[in-house]
All heavy atoms as atom14 arrays in JSON, in Angstrom:
{
  "sequence": "PPQKITAKSLGVTSSADEPSKMYSRAYCLIDADSNRVLVSKEADTR",
  "atom14_mask": [
    [1, 1, 1, 1, 1, 1, 1, 0, 0, 0, 0, 0, 0, 0],
    [1, 1, 1, 1, 1, 1, 1, 0, 0, 0, 0, 0, 0, 0],
    [1, 1, 1, 1, 1, 1, 1, 1, 1, 0, 0, 0, 0, 0],
    [1, 1, 1, 1, 1, 1, 1, 1, 1, 0, 0, 0, 0, 0],
    [1, 1, 1, 1, 1, 1, 1, 1, 0, 0, 0, 0, 0, 0],
    [1, 1, 1, 1, 1, 1, 1, 0, 0, 0, 0, 0, 0, 0],
    [1, 1, 1, 1, 1, 0, 0, 0, 0, 0, 0, 0, 0, 0],
    [1, 1, 1, 1, 1, 1, 1, 1, 1, 0, 0, 0, 0, 0],
    [1, 1, 1, 1, 1, 1, 0, 0, 0, 0, 0, 0, 0, 0],
    [1, 1, 1, 1, 1, 1, 1, 1, 0, 0, 0, 0, 0, 0],
    [1, 1, 1, 1, 0, 0, 0, 0, 0, 0, 0, 0, 0, 0],
    [1, 1, 1, 1, 1, 1, 1, 0, 0, 0, 0, 0, 0, 0],
    [1, 1, 1, 1, 1, 1, 1, 0, 0, 0, 0, 0, 0, 0],
    [1, 1, 1, 1, 1, 1, 0, 0, 0, 0, 0, 0, 0, 0],
    [1, 1, 1, 1, 1, 1, 0, 0, 0, 0, 0, 0, 0, 0],
    [1, 1, 1, 1, 1, 0, 0, 0, 0, 0, 0, 0, 0, 0],
    [1, 1, 1, 1, 1, 1, 1, 1, 0, 0, 0, 0, 0, 0],
    [1, 1, 1, 1, 1, 1, 1, 1, 1, 0, 0, 0, 0, 0],
    [1, 1, 1, 1, 1, 1, 1, 0, 0, 0, 0, 0, 0, 0],
    [1, 1, 1, 1, 1, 1, 0, 0, 0, 0, 0, 0, 0, 0],
    [1, 1, 1, 1, 1, 1, 1, 1, 1, 0, 0, 0, 0, 0],
    [1, 1, 1, 1, 1, 1, 1, 1, 0, 0, 0, 0, 0, 0],
    [1, 1, 1, 1, 1, 1, 1, 1, 1, 1, 1, 1, 0, 0],
    [1, 1, 1, 1, 1, 1, 0, 0, 0, 0, 0, 0, 0, 0],
    [1, 1, 1, 1, 1, 1, 1, 1, 1, 1, 1, 0, 0, 0],
    [1, 1, 1, 1, 1, 0, 0, 0, 0, 0, 0, 0, 0, 0],
    [1, 1, 1, 1, 1, 1, 1, 1, 1, 1, 1, 1, 0, 0],
    [1, 1, 1, 1, 1, 1, 0, 0, 0, 0, 0, 0, 0, 0],
    [1, 1, 1, 1, 1, 1, 1, 1, 0, 0, 0, 0, 0, 0],
    [1, 1, 1, 1, 1, 1, 1, 1, 0, 0, 0, 0, 0, 0],
    [1, 1, 1, 1, 1, 1, 1, 1, 0, 0, 0, 0, 0, 0],
    [1, 1, 1, 1, 1, 0, 0, 0, 0, 0, 0, 0, 0, 0],
    [1, 1, 1, 1, 1, 1, 1, 1, 0, 0, 0, 0, 0, 0],
    [1, 1, 1, 1, 1, 1, 0, 0, 0, 0, 0, 0, 0, 0],
    [1, 1, 1, 1, 1, 1, 1, 1, 0, 0, 0, 0, 0, 0],
    [1, 1, 1, 1, 1, 1, 1, 1, 1, 1, 1, 0, 0, 0],
    [1, 1, 1, 1, 1, 1, 1, 0, 0, 0, 0, 0, 0, 0],
    [1, 1, 1, 1, 1, 1, 1, 1, 0, 0, 0, 0, 0, 0],
    [1, 1, 1, 1, 1, 1, 1, 0, 0, 0, 0, 0, 0, 0],
    [1, 1, 1, 1, 1, 1, 0, 0, 0, 0, 0, 0, 0, 0],
    [1, 1, 1, 1, 1, 1, 1, 1, 1, 0, 0, 0, 0, 0],
    [1, 1, 1, 1, 1, 1, 1, 1, 1, 0, 0, 0, 0, 0],
    [1, 1, 1, 1, 1, 0, 0, 0, 0, 0, 0, 0, 0, 0],
    [1, 1, 1, 1, 1, 1, 1, 1, 0, 0, 0, 0, 0, 0],
    [1, 1, 1, 1, 1, 1, 1, 0, 0, 0, 0, 0, 0, 0],
    [1, 1, 1, 1, 1, 1, 1, 1, 1, 1, 1, 0, 0, 0]
  ],
  "atom14_positions": [
    [[1.03, 9.45, -20.24], [0.61, 9.45, -18.83], [0.0, 8.11, -18.45], [-0.5, 7.37, -19.31], [-0.45, 10.56, -18.79], [-1.02, 10.57, -20.16], [0.12, 10.24, -21.09], [0.0, 0.0, 0.0], [0.0, 0.0, 0.0], [0.0, 0.0, 0.0], [0.0, 0.0, 0.0], [0.0, 0.0, 0.0], [0.0, 0.0, 0.0], [0.0, 0.0, 0.0]],
    [[0.04, 7.74, -17.16], [-0.6, 6.49, -16.72], [-2.09, 6.52, -17.03], [-2.72, 7.58, -17.02], [-0.36, 6.49, -15.2], [0.81, 7.4, -15.0], [0.68, 8.45, -16.06], [0.0, 0.0, 0.0], [0.0, 0.0, 0.0], [0.0, 0.0, 0.0], [0.0, 0.0, 0.0], [0.0, 0.0, 0.0], [0.0, 0.0, 0.0], [0.0, 0.0, 0.0]],
    [[-2.64, 5.36, -17.32], [-4.07, 5.23, -17.58], [-4.7, 4.41, -16.47], [-4.12, 3.44, -15.99], [-4.32, 4.53, -18.91], [-3.84, 5.29, -20.12], [-4.01, 4.46, -21.38], [-3.24, 3.55, -21.64], [-5.03, 4.76, -22.16], [0.0, 0.0, 0.0], [0.0, 0.0, 0.0], [0.0, 0.0, 0.0], [0.0, 0.0, 0.0], [0.0, 0.0, 0.0]],
    [[-5.89, 4.79, -16.06], [-6.61, 4.04, -15.03], [-7.87, 3.42, -15.61], [-8.61, 4.07, -16.35], [-6.95, 4.94, -13.84], [-5.73, 5.38, -13.04], [-6.13, 6.0, -11.73], [-4.89, 6.4, -10.92], [-4.11, 5.22, -10.5], [0.0, 0.0, 0.0], [0.0, 0.0, 0.0], [0.0, 0.0, 0.0], [0.0, 0.0, 0.0], [0.0, 0.0, 0.0]],
    [[-8.06, 2.14, -15.3], [-9.22, 1.4, -15.78], [-9.94, 0.84, -14.56], [-9.36, 0.06, -13.79], [-8.81, 0.24, -16.72], [-7.96, 0.75, -17.88], [-10.05, -0.49, -17.23], [-7.32, -0.35, -18.7], [0.0, 0.0, 0.0], [0.0, 0.0, 0.0], [0.0, 0.0, 0.0], [0.0, 0.0, 0.0], [0.0, 0.0, 0.0], [0.0, 0.0, 0.0]],
    [[-11.16, 1.24, -14.34], [-11.92, 0.74, -13.19], [-12.7, -0.51, -13.56], [-13.08, -0.7, -14.72], [-12.9, 1.8, -12.67], [-13.88, 2.07, -13.69], [-12.16, 3.09, -12.31], [0.0, 0.0, 0.0], [0.0, 0.0, 0.0], [0.0, 0.0, 0.0], [0.0, 0.0, 0.0], [0.0, 0.0, 0.0], [0.0, 0.0, 0.0], [0.0, 0.0, 0.0]],
    [[-12.91, -1.35, -12.57], [-13.71, -2.55, -12.8], [-15.12, -2.18, -13.26], [-15.71, -2.85, -14.11], [-13.77, -3.39, -11.53], [0.0, 0.0, 0.0], [0.0, 0.0, 0.0], [0.0, 0.0, 0.0], [0.0, 0.0, 0.0], [0.0, 0.0, 0.0], [0.0, 0.0, 0.0], [0.0, 0.0, 0.0], [0.0, 0.0, 0.0], [0.0, 0.0, 0.0]],
    [[-15.63, -1.09, -12.72], [-16.98, -0.64, -13.08], [-17.08, -0.34, -14.57], [-18.06, -0.66, -15.23], [-17.35, 0.59, -12.26], [-18.76, 1.08, -12.5], [-19.08, 2.28, -11.63], [-20.5, 2.79, -11.88], [-20.82, 3.97, -11.03], [0.0, 0.0, 0.0], [0.0, 0.0, 0.0], [0.0, 0.0, 0.0], [0.0, 0.0, 0.0], [0.0, 0.0, 0.0]],
    [[-16.01, 0.29, -15.11], [-16.03, 0.64, -16.54], [-16.02, -0.59, -17.42], [-16.37, -0.53, -18.6], [-14.82, 1.53, -16.88], [-13.61, 0.79, -16.81], [0.0, 0.0, 0.0], [0.0, 0.0, 0.0], [0.0, 0.0, 0.0], [0.0, 0.0, 0.0], [0.0, 0.0, 0.0], [0.0, 0.0, 0.0], [0.0, 0.0, 0.0], [0.0, 0.0, 0.0]],
    [[-15.62, -1.72, -16.87], [-15.58, -2.99, -17.62], [-16.81, -3.85, -17.34], [-16.9, -4.98, -17.81], [-14.32, -3.77, -17.25], [-12.99, -3.08, -17.58], [-11.82, -3.91, -17.04], [-12.83, -2.87, -19.08], [0.0, 0.0, 0.0], [0.0, 0.0, 0.0], [0.0, 0.0, 0.0], [0.0, 0.0, 0.0], [0.0, 0.0, 0.0], [0.0, 0.0, 0.0]],
    [[-17.72, -3.3, -16.55], [-18.96, -4.02, -16.27], [-18.83, -5.06, -15.17], [-19.7, -5.95, -15.05], [0.0, 0.0, 0.0], [0.0, 0.0, 0.0], [0.0, 0.0, 0.0], [0.0, 0.0, 0.0], [0.0, 0.0, 0.0], [0.0, 0.0, 0.0], [0.0, 0.0, 0.0], [0.0, 0.0, 0.0], [0.0, 0.0, 0.0], [0.0, 0.0, 0.0]],
    [[-17.78, -4.99, -14.36], [-17.58, -5.96, -13.28], [-18.35, -5.54, -12.05], [-18.18, -4.41, -11.54], [-16.08, -6.1, -12.94], [-15.9, -7.04, -11.75], [-15.31, -6.63, -14.15], [0.0, 0.0, 0.0], [0.0, 0.0, 0.0], [0.0, 0.0, 0.0], [0.0, 0.0, 0.0], [0.0, 0.0, 0.0], [0.0, 0.0, 0.0], [0.0, 0.0, 0.0]],
    [[-19.2, -6.4, -11.54], [-20.01, -6.08, -10.36], [-19.84, -7.11, -9.25], [-20.44, -6.97, -8.18], [-21.5, -6.02, -10.74], [-21.9, -7.3, -11.3], [-21.77, -4.93, -11.76], [0.0, 0.0, 0.0], [0.0, 0.0, 0.0], [0.0, 0.0, 0.0], [0.0, 0.0, 0.0], [0.0, 0.0, 0.0], [0.0, 0.0, 0.0], [0.0, 0.0, 0.0]],
    [[-19.02, -8.13, -9.45], [-18.88, -9.2, -8.47], [-18.16, -8.71, -7.22], [-17.25, -7.89, -7.28], [-18.13, -10.38, -9.08], [-16.88, -9.96, -9.57], [0.0, 0.0, 0.0], [0.0, 0.0, 0.0], [0.0, 0.0, 0.0], [0.0, 0.0, 0.0], [0.0, 0.0, 0.0], [0.0, 0.0, 0.0], [0.0, 0.0, 0.0], [0.0, 0.0, 0.0]],
    [[-18.58, -9.23, -6.07], [-17.93, -8.9, -4.8], [-18.32, -9.94, -3.75], [-19.29, -10.69, -3.92], [-18.34, -7.51, -4.32], [-19.72, -7.47, -4.0], [0.0, 0.0, 0.0], [0.0, 0.0, 0.0], [0.0, 0.0, 0.0], [0.0, 0.0, 0.0], [0.0, 0.0, 0.0], [0.0, 0.0, 0.0], [0.0, 0.0, 0.0], [0.0, 0.0, 0.0]],
    [[-17.56, -9.99, -2.67], [-17.86, -10.9, -1.56], [-17.04, -10.46, -0.36], [-15.99, -9.83, -0.51], [-17.54, -12.35, -1.93], [0.0, 0.0, 0.0], [0.0, 0.0, 0.0], [0.0, 0.0, 0.0], [0.0, 0.0, 0.0], [0.0, 0.0, 0.0], [0.0, 0.0, 0.0], [0.0, 0.0, 0.0], [0.0, 0.0, 0.0], [0.0, 0.0, 0.0]],
    [[-17.51, -10.77, 0.82], [-16.75, -10.5, 2.03], [-15.6, -11.5, 2.14], [-15.76, -12.68, 1.81], [-17.65, -10.62, 3.26], [-18.72, -9.54, 3.3], [-18.46, -8.45, 2.76], [-19.8, -9.81, 3.86], [0.0, 0.0, 0.0], [0.0, 0.0, 0.0], [0.0, 0.0, 0.0], [0.0, 0.0, 0.0], [0.0, 0.0, 0.0], [0.0, 0.0, 0.0]],
    [[-14.46, -11.02, 2.61], [-13.32, -11.92, 2.78], [-13.63, -12.98, 3.81], [-14.44, -12.76, 4.73], [-12.07, -11.12, 3.19], [-11.54, -10.22, 2.08], [-10.17, -9.66, 2.41], [-9.6, -10.03, 3.46], [-9.66, -8.85, 1.6], [0.0, 0.0, 0.0], [0.0, 0.0, 0.0], [0.0, 0.0, 0.0], [0.0, 0.0, 0.0], [0.0, 0.0, 0.0]],
    [[-13.01, -14.17, 3.68], [-13.29, -15.27, 4.61], [-13.06, -14.86, 6.07], [-12.12, -14.12, 6.37], [-12.3, -16.36, 4.18], [-11.96, -16.03, 2.77], [-12.01, -14.54, 2.66], [0.0, 0.0, 0.0], [0.0, 0.0, 0.0], [0.0, 0.0, 0.0], [0.0, 0.0, 0.0], [0.0, 0.0, 0.0], [0.0, 0.0, 0.0], [0.0, 0.0, 0.0]],
    [[-13.9, -15.33, 6.95], [-13.76, -15.04, 8.37], [-13.75, -16.35, 9.17], [-14.07, -17.41, 8.64], [-14.91, -14.14, 8.85], [-16.16, -14.79, 8.65], [0.0, 0.0, 0.0], [0.0, 0.0, 0.0], [0.0, 0.0, 0.0], [0.0, 0.0, 0.0], [0.0, 0.0, 0.0], [0.0, 0.0, 0.0], [0.0, 0.0, 0.0], [0.0, 0.0, 0.0]],
    [[-13.34, -16.24, 10.41], [-13.27, -17.4, 11.32], [-12.44, -18.53, 10.71], [-12.85, -19.7, 10.72], [-14.67, -17.88, 11.67], [-15.49, -16.83, 12.42], [-16.88, -17.36, 12.79], [-17.67, -16.3, 13.53], [-19.04, -16.78, 13.9], [0.0, 0.0, 0.0], [0.0, 0.0, 0.0], [0.0, 0.0, 0.0], [0.0, 0.0, 0.0], [0.0, 0.0, 0.0]],
    [[-11.28, -18.14, 10.17], [-10.36, -19.13, 9.6], [-9.5, -19.73, 10.71], [-9.14, -19.05, 11.68], [-9.48, -18.45, 8.55], [-10.24, -17.86, 7.37], [-10.78, -19.09, 6.18], [-9.23, -19.43, 5.35], [0.0, 0.0, 0.0], [0.0, 0.0, 0.0], [0.0, 0.0, 0.0], [0.0, 0.0, 0.0], [0.0, 0.0, 0.0], [0.0, 0.0, 0.0]],
    [[-9.15, -20.99, 10.54], [-8.34, -21.68, 11.54], [-6.84, -21.61, 11.23], [-6.01, -21.77, 12.12], [-8.76, -23.16, 11.63], [-10.18, -23.36, 12.1], [-11.18, -23.73, 11.21], [-10.53, -23.17, 13.44], [-12.49, -23.92, 11.64], [-11.83, -23.36, 13.88], [-12.82, -23.74, 12.97], [-14.11, -23.91, 13.4], [0.0, 0.0, 0.0], [0.0, 0.0, 0.0]],
    [[-6.49, -21.4, 9.99], [-5.1, -21.46, 9.56], [-4.29, -20.31, 10.14], [-4.76, -19.16, 10.17], [-4.99, -21.4, 8.03], [-5.89, -22.29, 7.44], [0.0, 0.0, 0.0], [0.0, 0.0, 0.0], [0.0, 0.0, 0.0], [0.0, 0.0, 0.0], [0.0, 0.0, 0.0], [0.0, 0.0, 0.0], [0.0, 0.0, 0.0], [0.0, 0.0, 0.0]],
    [[-3.04, -20.61, 10.52], [-2.14, -19.52, 10.89], [-1.82, -18.67, 9.66], [-1.75, -17.46, 9.72], [-0.85, -20.07, 11.48], [0.15, -18.96, 11.75], [1.47, -19.43, 12.29], [2.44, -18.34, 12.25], [3.7, -18.45, 12.66], [4.14, -19.6, 13.13], [4.5, -17.4, 12.57], [0.0, 0.0, 0.0], [0.0, 0.0, 0.0], [0.0, 0.0, 0.0]],
    [[-1.6, -19.34, 8.51], [-1.29, -18.65, 7.26], [-2.09, -19.28, 6.14], [-2.25, -20.51, 6.09], [0.2, -18.74, 6.94], [0.0, 0.0, 0.0], [0.0, 0.0, 0.0], [0.0, 0.0, 0.0], [0.0, 0.0, 0.0], [0.0, 0.0, 0.0], [0.0, 0.0, 0.0], [0.0, 0.0, 0.0], [0.0, 0.0, 0.0], [0.0, 0.0, 0.0]],
    [[-2.61, -18.43, 5.26], [-3.35, -18.96, 4.11], [-3.2, -18.01, 2.93], [-2.81, -16.85, 3.07], [-4.82, -19.19, 4.43], [-5.61, -17.98, 4.85], [-6.07, -17.04, 3.93], [-5.94, -17.78, 6.2], [-6.8, -15.94, 4.31], [-6.67, -16.68, 6.61], [-7.11, -15.76, 5.67], [-7.84, -14.66, 6.06], [0.0, 0.0, 0.0], [0.0, 0.0, 0.0]],
    [[-3.52, -18.54, 1.74], [-3.4, -17.73, 0.53], [-4.29, -18.33, -0.55], [-4.5, -19.55, -0.6], [-1.95, -17.72, 0.05], [-1.63, -16.57, -1.31], [0.0, 0.0, 0.0], [0.0, 0.0, 0.0], [0.0, 0.0, 0.0], [0.0, 0.0, 0.0], [0.0, 0.0, 0.0], [0.0, 0.0, 0.0], [0.0, 0.0, 0.0], [0.0, 0.0, 0.0]],
    [[-4.81, -17.46, -1.4], [-5.59, -17.87, -2.57], [-5.07, -17.08, -3.75], [-4.97, -15.85, -3.68], [-7.08, -17.58, -2.37], [-7.99, -17.91, -3.57], [-8.15, -19.42, -3.74], [-9.37, -17.25, -3.4], [0.0, 0.0, 0.0], [0.0, 0.0, 0.0], [0.0, 0.0, 0.0], [0.0, 0.0, 0.0], [0.0, 0.0, 0.0], [0.0, 0.0, 0.0]],
    [[-4.73, -17.76, -4.84], [-4.21, -17.07, -6.02], [-4.96, -17.49, -7.28], [-5.61, -18.54, -7.33], [-2.7, -17.33, -6.24], [-2.46, -18.78, -6.67], [-1.89, -16.98, -5.01], [-1.03, -19.04, -7.16], [0.0, 0.0, 0.0], [0.0, 0.0, 0.0], [0.0, 0.0, 0.0], [0.0, 0.0, 0.0], [0.0, 0.0, 0.0], [0.0, 0.0, 0.0]],
    [[-4.87, -16.62, -8.27], [-5.32, -16.94, -9.63], [-4.18, -17.74, -10.27], [-3.07, -17.24, -10.42], [-5.58, -15.64, -10.39], [-5.78, -15.85, -11.89], [-6.05, -16.99, -12.3], [-5.65, -14.86, -12.63], [0.0, 0.0, 0.0], [0.0, 0.0, 0.0], [0.0, 0.0, 0.0], [0.0, 0.0, 0.0], [0.0, 0.0, 0.0], [0.0, 0.0, 0.0]],
    [[-4.45, -18.98, -10.65], [-3.4, -19.86, -11.16], [-2.79, -19.37, -12.45], [-1.64, -19.71, -12.78], [-3.94, -21.28, -11.35], [0.0, 0.0, 0.0], [0.0, 0.0, 0.0], [0.0, 0.0, 0.0], [0.0, 0.0, 0.0], [0.0, 0.0, 0.0], [0.0, 0.0, 0.0], [0.0, 0.0, 0.0], [0.0, 0.0, 0.0], [0.0, 0.0, 0.0]],
    [[-3.51, -18.56, -13.23], [-2.99, -18.09, -14.51], [-1.95, -16.98, -14.35], [-1.12, -16.78, -15.23], [-4.13, -17.59, -15.39], [-5.02, -18.72, -15.87], [-4.53, -19.86, -15.97], [-6.22, -18.48, -16.12], [0.0, 0.0, 0.0], [0.0, 0.0, 0.0], [0.0, 0.0, 0.0], [0.0, 0.0, 0.0], [0.0, 0.0, 0.0], [0.0, 0.0, 0.0]],
    [[-2.02, -16.25, -13.25], [-1.11, -15.11, -13.08], [-0.35, -15.11, -11.77], [0.57, -14.31, -11.58], [-1.92, -13.8, -13.15], [-2.82, -13.72, -12.05], [0.0, 0.0, 0.0], [0.0, 0.0, 0.0], [0.0, 0.0, 0.0], [0.0, 0.0, 0.0], [0.0, 0.0, 0.0], [0.0, 0.0, 0.0], [0.0, 0.0, 0.0], [0.0, 0.0, 0.0]],
    [[-0.72, -16.01, -10.84], [-0.17, -16.05, -9.48], [-0.51, -14.79, -8.69], [0.12, -14.47, -7.68], [1.35, -16.25, -9.49], [1.75, -17.68, -9.84], [0.88, -18.51, -10.13], [3.02, -17.97, -9.82], [0.0, 0.0, 0.0], [0.0, 0.0, 0.0], [0.0, 0.0, 0.0], [0.0, 0.0, 0.0], [0.0, 0.0, 0.0], [0.0, 0.0, 0.0]],
    [[-1.54, -14.07, -9.14], [-1.99, -12.9, -8.39], [-2.68, -13.34, -7.1], [-3.53, -14.23, -7.11], [-2.96, -12.07, -9.24], [-3.55, -10.88, -8.49], [-4.71, -10.27, -9.23], [-5.43, -9.32, -8.39], [-6.65, -8.86, -8.65], [-7.29, -9.27, -9.73], [-7.24, -8.02, -7.83], [0.0, 0.0, 0.0], [0.0, 0.0, 0.0], [0.0, 0.0, 0.0]],
    [[-2.33, -12.7, -5.99], [-2.94, -13.0, -4.7], [-4.33, -12.37, -4.64], [-4.48, -11.16, -4.84], [-2.07, -12.48, -3.54], [-2.78, -12.71, -2.2], [-0.71, -13.17, -3.54], [0.0, 0.0, 0.0], [0.0, 0.0, 0.0], [0.0, 0.0, 0.0], [0.0, 0.0, 0.0], [0.0, 0.0, 0.0], [0.0, 0.0, 0.0], [0.0, 0.0, 0.0]],
    [[-5.33, -13.18, -4.35], [-6.71, -12.7, -4.25], [-7.1, -12.41, -2.8], [-7.88, -11.5, -2.54], [-7.67, -13.71, -4.87], [-7.38, -14.09, -6.34], [-8.42, -15.08, -6.85], [-7.34, -12.85, -7.23], [0.0, 0.0, 0.0], [0.0, 0.0, 0.0], [0.0, 0.0, 0.0], [0.0, 0.0, 0.0], [0.0, 0.0, 0.0], [0.0, 0.0, 0.0]],
    [[-6.58, -13.2, -1.89], [-6.79, -12.96, -0.46], [-5.72, -13.76, 0.28], [-5.29, -14.82, -0.19], [-8.21, -13.38, -0.01], [-8.41, -14.89, -0.12], [-8.51, -12.88, 1.4], [0.0, 0.0, 0.0], [0.0, 0.0, 0.0], [0.0, 0.0, 0.0], [0.0, 0.0, 0.0], [0.0, 0.0, 0.0], [0.0, 0.0, 0.0], [0.0, 0.0, 0.0]],
    [[-5.28, -13.24, 1.43], [-4.21, -13.95, 2.14], [-4.11, -13.48, 3.59], [-4.64, -12.43, 3.97], [-2.86, -13.72, 1.45], [-2.48, -12.35, 1.55], [0.0, 0.0, 0.0], [0.0, 0.0, 0.0], [0.0, 0.0, 0.0], [0.0, 0.0, 0.0], [0.0, 0.0, 0.0], [0.0, 0.0, 0.0], [0.0, 0.0, 0.0], [0.0, 0.0, 0.0]],
    [[-3.38, -14.26, 4.36], [-3.01, -13.9, 5.73], [-1.64, -14.52, 6.01], [-1.43, -15.72, 5.78], [-4.03, -14.44, 6.73], [-3.61, -14.23, 8.19], [-4.52, -15.0, 9.14], [-3.99, -14.94, 10.57], [-4.8, -15.79, 11.48], [0.0, 0.0, 0.0], [0.0, 0.0, 0.0], [0.0, 0.0, 0.0], [0.0, 0.0, 0.0], [0.0, 0.0, 0.0]],
    [[-0.71, -13.7, 6.43], [0.67, -14.14, 6.7], [1.21, -15.0, 5.55], [1.89, -16.0, 5.77], [0.74, -14.93, 8.01], [0.61, -14.07, 9.25], [0.99, -14.81, 10.51], [2.04, -15.48, 10.54], [0.2, -14.73, 11.48], [0.0, 0.0, 0.0], [0.0, 0.0, 0.0], [0.0, 0.0, 0.0], [0.0, 0.0, 0.0], [0.0, 0.0, 0.0]],
    [[0.9, -14.57, 4.33], [1.24, -15.38, 3.16], [2.73, -15.43, 2.88], [3.18, -16.28, 2.11], [0.51, -14.87, 1.93], [0.0, 0.0, 0.0], [0.0, 0.0, 0.0], [0.0, 0.0, 0.0], [0.0, 0.0, 0.0], [0.0, 0.0, 0.0], [0.0, 0.0, 0.0], [0.0, 0.0, 0.0], [0.0, 0.0, 0.0], [0.0, 0.0, 0.0]],
    [[3.53, -14.54, 3.49], [4.97, -14.53, 3.25], [5.76, -15.03, 4.45], [6.99, -14.89, 4.5], [5.42, -13.1, 2.89], [4.8, -12.63, 1.58], [4.66, -13.45, 0.66], [4.46, -11.43, 1.49], [0.0, 0.0, 0.0], [0.0, 0.0, 0.0], [0.0, 0.0, 0.0], [0.0, 0.0, 0.0], [0.0, 0.0, 0.0], [0.0, 0.0, 0.0]],
    [[5.09, -15.6, 5.43], [5.76, -16.15, 6.62], [6.29, -17.55, 6.32], [5.54, -18.41, 5.85], [4.79, -16.21, 7.8], [4.3, -14.9, 8.08], [5.48, -16.76, 9.04], [0.0, 0.0, 0.0], [0.0, 0.0, 0.0], [0.0, 0.0, 0.0], [0.0, 0.0, 0.0], [0.0, 0.0, 0.0], [0.0, 0.0, 0.0], [0.0, 0.0, 0.0]],
    [[7.55, -17.77, 6.59], [8.15, -19.09, 6.35], [7.68, -20.08, 7.42], [7.84, -19.85, 8.61], [9.68, -19.0, 6.38], [10.27, -18.2, 5.22], [11.78, -18.12, 5.34], [12.38, -17.46, 4.18], [13.68, -17.27, 4.01], [14.54, -17.71, 4.95], [14.15, -16.65, 2.94], [0.0, 0.0, 0.0], [0.0, 0.0, 0.0], [0.0, 0.0, 0.0]]
  ]
}
């Protein structure tokens, strides 16, 4: 069966509000090691 692992169970407590009052039409932030998107807006718009 699928297993679920919560951040809390790993002792992760970090958090922050997503950026606000951004000027960019499109933006993105990724983890360079995995290319995982951490926050974005219109990140797939050409």
